[in-house]
Amino acid sequence: MKLPRWAKRNRGGFFNGVVQIKTTLSPRALLDVVLGIEERIGRVRRERWGPRNIDIDILIYDSLIVDEPDLKIPHPRLIERAFTLIPLAEIAPELVLPNGRRAAEAARGPFDGQVVLPYREARC
């Protein structure tokens, strides 16, 4: 998904996707792996919601609830964001979200003006 610039934040549009994985890692160990991937790709954390070249979030981890200062599962803004719900619903439409709705239903919105555009691969 390609997203246009957010009106409230001074940054360009960005690409977003959702993947489902199977792991034996604990949520904390998975976060450590994710942060390591971001670091290897060159992410530097300067400010919250600031510009970045990569951002990997753990949205859901089975039915676990984790509430630690630097790790919140399910992701606290999951159900508010079209750019997470729409791709999540594409791969797991029957997933029951923290608010009790199925992903496919929640992905229909409303999202208060958020626009998500499907990315079409350029033809050469």
Protein backbone atom coordinates (compact mmCIF):
# COMPACT_ATOMS: atom_id res chain seq x y z
CA MET A 1 0.00 0.00 0.00
CA LYS A 2 1.23 3.49 -0.79
CA LEU A 3 0.06 6.22 1.53
CA PRO A 4 -0.12 9.93 0.82
CA ARG A 5 1.46 12.51 3.09
CA TRP A 6 -0.33 12.80 6.40
CA ALA A 7 -1.70 16.30 6.85
CA LYS A 8 -0.68 16.47 10.51
CA ARG A 9 2.91 15.45 9.92
CA ASN A 10 5.49 17.00 7.66
CA ARG A 11 6.68 13.92 5.82
CA GLY A 12 6.10 12.27 2.49
CA GLY A 13 3.89 9.32 1.71
CA PHE A 14 5.11 5.85 2.52
CA PHE A 15 4.65 2.21 1.64
CA ASN A 16 3.05 -0.12 4.15
CA GLY A 17 2.51 -3.86 4.26
CA VAL A 18 1.56 -6.56 6.72
CA VAL A 19 3.09 -10.01 7.02
CA GLN A 20 2.12 -12.98 9.13
CA ILE A 21 4.92 -15.09 10.61
CA LYS A 22 5.25 -18.20 12.73
CA THR A 23 7.83 -18.01 15.48
CA THR A 24 8.90 -19.67 18.69
CA LEU A 25 10.31 -16.36 19.94
CA SER A 26 8.71 -14.60 22.86
CA PRO A 27 7.21 -11.17 22.11
CA ARG A 28 10.24 -9.50 23.74
CA ALA A 29 12.70 -11.60 21.73
CA LEU A 30 10.74 -10.87 18.54
CA LEU A 31 10.92 -7.14 19.31
CA ASP A 32 14.69 -7.45 19.70
CA VAL A 33 14.90 -9.11 16.27
CA VAL A 34 12.68 -6.43 14.70
CA LEU A 35 14.75 -3.61 16.20
CA GLY A 36 17.93 -5.30 14.94
CA ILE A 37 16.50 -5.49 11.41
CA GLU A 38 15.58 -1.80 11.52
CA GLU A 39 19.08 -0.92 12.74
CA ARG A 40 20.78 -2.98 10.01
CA ILE A 41 18.66 -1.23 7.38
CA GLY A 42 19.84 2.10 8.77
CA ARG A 43 17.00 3.38 10.94
CA VAL A 44 18.03 6.04 13.41
CA ARG A 45 15.50 6.94 16.12
CA ARG A 46 15.53 10.69 16.72
CA GLU A 47 11.96 11.71 17.43
CA ARG A 48 8.64 9.97 17.89
CA TRP A 49 6.78 9.75 14.58
CA GLY A 50 9.72 11.43 12.86
CA PRO A 51 10.99 10.55 9.40
CA ARG A 52 12.37 7.05 9.03
CA ASN A 53 13.46 4.72 6.25
CA ILE A 54 11.87 1.65 7.88
CA ASP A 55 9.35 1.03 10.65
CA ILE A 56 8.44 -2.51 11.70
CA ASP A 57 5.66 -2.97 14.25
CA ILE A 58 4.30 -6.05 15.98
CA LEU A 59 0.55 -5.62 15.53
CA ILE A 60 -0.77 -8.82 17.11
CA TYR A 61 0.87 -11.86 18.70
CA ASP A 62 -1.68 -14.67 18.89
CA SER A 63 -4.12 -13.64 21.62
CA LEU A 64 -1.44 -12.29 23.96
CA ILE A 65 -1.70 -8.93 25.65
CA VAL A 66 1.61 -7.26 26.47
CA ASP A 67 1.69 -3.90 28.25
CA GLU A 68 5.29 -2.83 28.82
CA PRO A 69 6.76 0.66 28.39
CA ASP A 70 8.38 -0.18 25.05
CA LEU A 71 6.14 -3.03 23.87
CA LYS A 72 2.37 -2.92 23.55
CA ILE A 73 0.56 -5.88 21.97
CA PRO A 74 -1.90 -5.62 20.36
CA HIS A 75 -0.54 -2.43 18.82
CA PRO A 76 -2.43 0.39 20.57
CA ARG A 77 -3.40 2.20 17.34
CA LEU A 78 -4.06 -0.87 15.20
CA ILE A 79 -7.81 -0.38 14.91
CA GLU A 80 -7.51 3.37 14.17
CA ARG A 81 -5.24 3.14 11.15
CA ALA A 82 -6.41 2.32 7.66
CA PHE A 83 -2.81 1.64 6.63
CA THR A 84 -2.60 -1.27 9.08
CA LEU A 85 -6.14 -2.60 8.96
CA ILE A 86 -6.56 -2.75 5.19
CA PRO A 87 -3.44 -4.86 4.50
CA LEU A 88 -4.10 -6.93 7.65
CA ALA A 89 -7.60 -7.72 6.39
CA GLU A 90 -6.14 -8.81 3.04
CA ILE A 91 -4.10 -11.58 4.67
CA ALA A 92 -6.33 -12.41 7.66
CA PRO A 93 -9.91 -11.27 6.98
CA GLU A 94 -11.41 -13.47 9.72
CA LEU A 95 -8.98 -12.36 12.42
CA VAL A 96 -10.85 -11.06 15.46
CA LEU A 97 -9.39 -7.73 16.54
CA PRO A 98 -9.10 -6.37 20.09
CA ASN A 99 -12.38 -4.47 19.62
CA GLY A 100 -14.20 -7.73 18.77
CA ARG A 101 -14.68 -6.94 15.08
CA ARG A 102 -13.29 -9.09 12.29
CA ALA A 103 -10.44 -7.52 10.33
CA ALA A 104 -12.38 -7.50 7.04
CA GLU A 105 -15.27 -5.64 8.66
CA ALA A 106 -13.04 -3.13 10.46
CA ALA A 107 -11.05 -2.45 7.28
CA ARG A 108 -14.15 -0.90 5.71
CA GLY A 109 -13.76 2.05 8.07
CA PRO A 110 -14.60 4.79 8.66
CA PHE A 111 -11.10 6.21 8.97
CA ASP A 112 -11.71 9.96 9.25
CA GLY A 113 -10.14 11.04 5.96
CA GLN A 114 -7.29 8.52 5.86
CA VAL A 115 -6.57 7.46 2.30
CA VAL A 116 -4.83 4.20 1.38
CA LEU A 117 -3.93 3.63 -2.25
CA PRO A 118 -3.02 0.17 -3.56
CA TYR A 119 0.47 0.05 -5.01
CA ARG A 120 0.66 -1.05 -8.61
CA GLU A 121 3.97 -2.33 -9.83
CA ALA A 122 5.37 -0.14 -12.59
CA ARG A 123 5.62 -1.70 -16.03
CA CYS A 124 8.93 -1.41 -17.83
